[in-house]
């Protein structure tokens, strides 16, 4: 899944977009990772991009994981 987001967007807004596109239930939590580091929801994409973007194609690659609030774990 690819998203083009404004630099001032936060991780929280990206998580809301993923939740709406993937129809994830309210019993599941979402987490975003870059380089195996979980991102805080208040952090701006601009800050993350400055530190973690690919030097080859200038893109920012993130991985998301969802976890059932009752303990089952799924990763995408």
C-alpha atoms as a PDB file:
ATOM      1  CA  UNK A   1       0.000   0.000   0.000  1.00  0.00           C
ATOM      2  CA  UNK A   2       1.346   3.445  -0.885  1.00  0.00           C
ATOM      3  CA  UNK A   3       0.414   6.822   0.520  1.00  0.00           C
ATOM      4  CA  UNK A   4       1.401  10.309  -0.497  1.00  0.00           C
ATOM      5  CA  UNK A   5       1.043  12.475   2.600  1.00  0.00           C
ATOM      6  CA  UNK A   6       1.876  16.086   3.431  1.00  0.00           C
ATOM      7  CA  UNK A   7       5.096  16.586   5.390  1.00  0.00           C
ATOM      8  CA  UNK A   8       3.211  18.017   8.357  1.00  0.00           C
ATOM      9  CA  UNK A   9       1.081  14.866   8.713  1.00  0.00           C
ATOM     10  CA  UNK A  10       1.628  12.851  11.847  1.00  0.00           C
ATOM     11  CA  UNK A  11       2.016   9.137  12.371  1.00  0.00           C
ATOM     12  CA  UNK A  12      -1.436   9.199  13.978  1.00  0.00           C
ATOM     13  CA  UNK A  13      -3.051  10.517  10.788  1.00  0.00           C
ATOM     14  CA  UNK A  14      -1.318   7.825   8.726  1.00  0.00           C
ATOM     15  CA  UNK A  15      -2.592   5.167  11.121  1.00  0.00           C
ATOM     16  CA  UNK A  16      -6.145   6.537  10.729  1.00  0.00           C
ATOM     17  CA  UNK A  17      -5.809   6.290   6.926  1.00  0.00           C
ATOM     18  CA  UNK A  18      -4.549   2.707   7.106  1.00  0.00           C
ATOM     19  CA  UNK A  19      -7.343   1.774   9.509  1.00  0.00           C
ATOM     20  CA  UNK A  20     -10.004   3.159   7.170  1.00  0.00           C
ATOM     21  CA  UNK A  21      -8.511   1.608   3.990  1.00  0.00           C
ATOM     22  CA  UNK A  22      -7.964  -1.845   5.522  1.00  0.00           C
ATOM     23  CA  UNK A  23     -11.228  -1.904   7.498  1.00  0.00           C
ATOM     24  CA  UNK A  24      -9.464  -2.875  10.701  1.00  0.00           C
ATOM     25  CA  UNK A  25     -11.766  -3.552  13.629  1.00  0.00           C
ATOM     26  CA  UNK A  26     -11.824  -1.509  16.793  1.00  0.00           C
ATOM     27  CA  UNK A  27     -10.450  -4.513  18.709  1.00  0.00           C
ATOM     28  CA  UNK A  28      -7.105  -4.257  16.876  1.00  0.00           C
ATOM     29  CA  UNK A  29      -4.273  -1.789  17.476  1.00  0.00           C
ATOM     30  CA  UNK A  30      -1.970  -0.491  14.730  1.00  0.00           C
ATOM     31  CA  UNK A  31       1.718   0.365  14.975  1.00  0.00           C
ATOM     32  CA  UNK A  32       4.079   1.936  12.420  1.00  0.00           C
ATOM     33  CA  UNK A  33       7.747   0.989  12.196  1.00  0.00           C
ATOM     34  CA  UNK A  34      10.776   2.359  10.372  1.00  0.00           C
ATOM     35  CA  UNK A  35      14.037   0.413  10.612  1.00  0.00           C
ATOM     36  CA  UNK A  36      12.486  -1.835  13.297  1.00  0.00           C
ATOM     37  CA  UNK A  37      11.704   1.181  15.475  1.00  0.00           C
ATOM     38  CA  UNK A  38       8.121   1.908  16.500  1.00  0.00           C
ATOM     39  CA  UNK A  39       7.102   5.479  15.685  1.00  0.00           C
ATOM     40  CA  UNK A  40       5.301   7.727  18.194  1.00  0.00           C
ATOM     41  CA  UNK A  41       1.873   8.887  17.008  1.00  0.00           C
ATOM     42  CA  UNK A  42       2.668  12.581  17.518  1.00  0.00           C
ATOM     43  CA  UNK A  43       5.799  12.605  15.313  1.00  0.00           C
ATOM     44  CA  UNK A  44       5.605  14.470  11.992  1.00  0.00           C
ATOM     45  CA  UNK A  45       6.380  12.699   8.724  1.00  0.00           C
ATOM     46  CA  UNK A  46       8.891  15.436   7.893  1.00  0.00           C
ATOM     47  CA  UNK A  47      11.033  14.491  10.915  1.00  0.00           C
ATOM     48  CA  UNK A  48      10.870  10.788  10.117  1.00  0.00           C
ATOM     49  CA  UNK A  49      11.682  11.370   6.451  1.00  0.00           C
ATOM     50  CA  UNK A  50      14.749  13.473   7.304  1.00  0.00           C
ATOM     51  CA  UNK A  51      16.249  10.605   9.318  1.00  0.00           C
ATOM     52  CA  UNK A  52      15.047   7.448   7.552  1.00  0.00           C
ATOM     53  CA  UNK A  53      14.341   7.998   3.840  1.00  0.00           C
ATOM     54  CA  UNK A  54      16.010   5.812   1.234  1.00  0.00           C
ATOM     55  CA  UNK A  55      19.079   7.447  -0.299  1.00  0.00           C
ATOM     56  CA  UNK A  56      18.515   5.453  -3.506  1.00  0.00           C
ATOM     57  CA  UNK A  57      14.951   6.444  -4.453  1.00  0.00           C
ATOM     58  CA  UNK A  58      14.258   9.156  -1.817  1.00  0.00           C
ATOM     59  CA  UNK A  59      11.187   7.319  -0.497  1.00  0.00           C
ATOM     60  CA  UNK A  60      10.271   6.631   3.091  1.00  0.00           C
ATOM     61  CA  UNK A  61       9.502   2.979   3.708  1.00  0.00           C
ATOM     62  CA  UNK A  62       7.362   2.090   6.720  1.00  0.00           C
ATOM     63  CA  UNK A  63       5.998  -1.188   7.970  1.00  0.00           C
ATOM     64  CA  UNK A  64       2.790  -1.496   9.918  1.00  0.00           C
ATOM     65  CA  UNK A  65       1.684  -4.165  12.317  1.00  0.00           C
ATOM     66  CA  UNK A  66      -1.655  -4.786  13.885  1.00  0.00           C
ATOM     67  CA  UNK A  67      -2.275  -6.522  17.148  1.00  0.00           C
ATOM     68  CA  UNK A  68      -5.496  -7.910  18.518  1.00  0.00           C
ATOM     69  CA  UNK A  69      -6.187  -6.332  21.884  1.00  0.00           C
ATOM     70  CA  UNK A  70      -6.690  -9.870  23.187  1.00  0.00           C
ATOM     71  CA  UNK A  71      -3.147 -10.961  22.250  1.00  0.00           C
ATOM     72  CA  UNK A  72      -3.075 -12.368  18.672  1.00  0.00           C
ATOM     73  CA  UNK A  73      -0.418 -10.659  16.513  1.00  0.00           C
ATOM     74  CA  UNK A  74      -0.450 -10.035  12.740  1.00  0.00           C
ATOM     75  CA  UNK A  75       2.204  -8.240  10.670  1.00  0.00           C
ATOM     76  CA  UNK A  76       2.008  -6.755   7.161  1.00  0.00           C
END
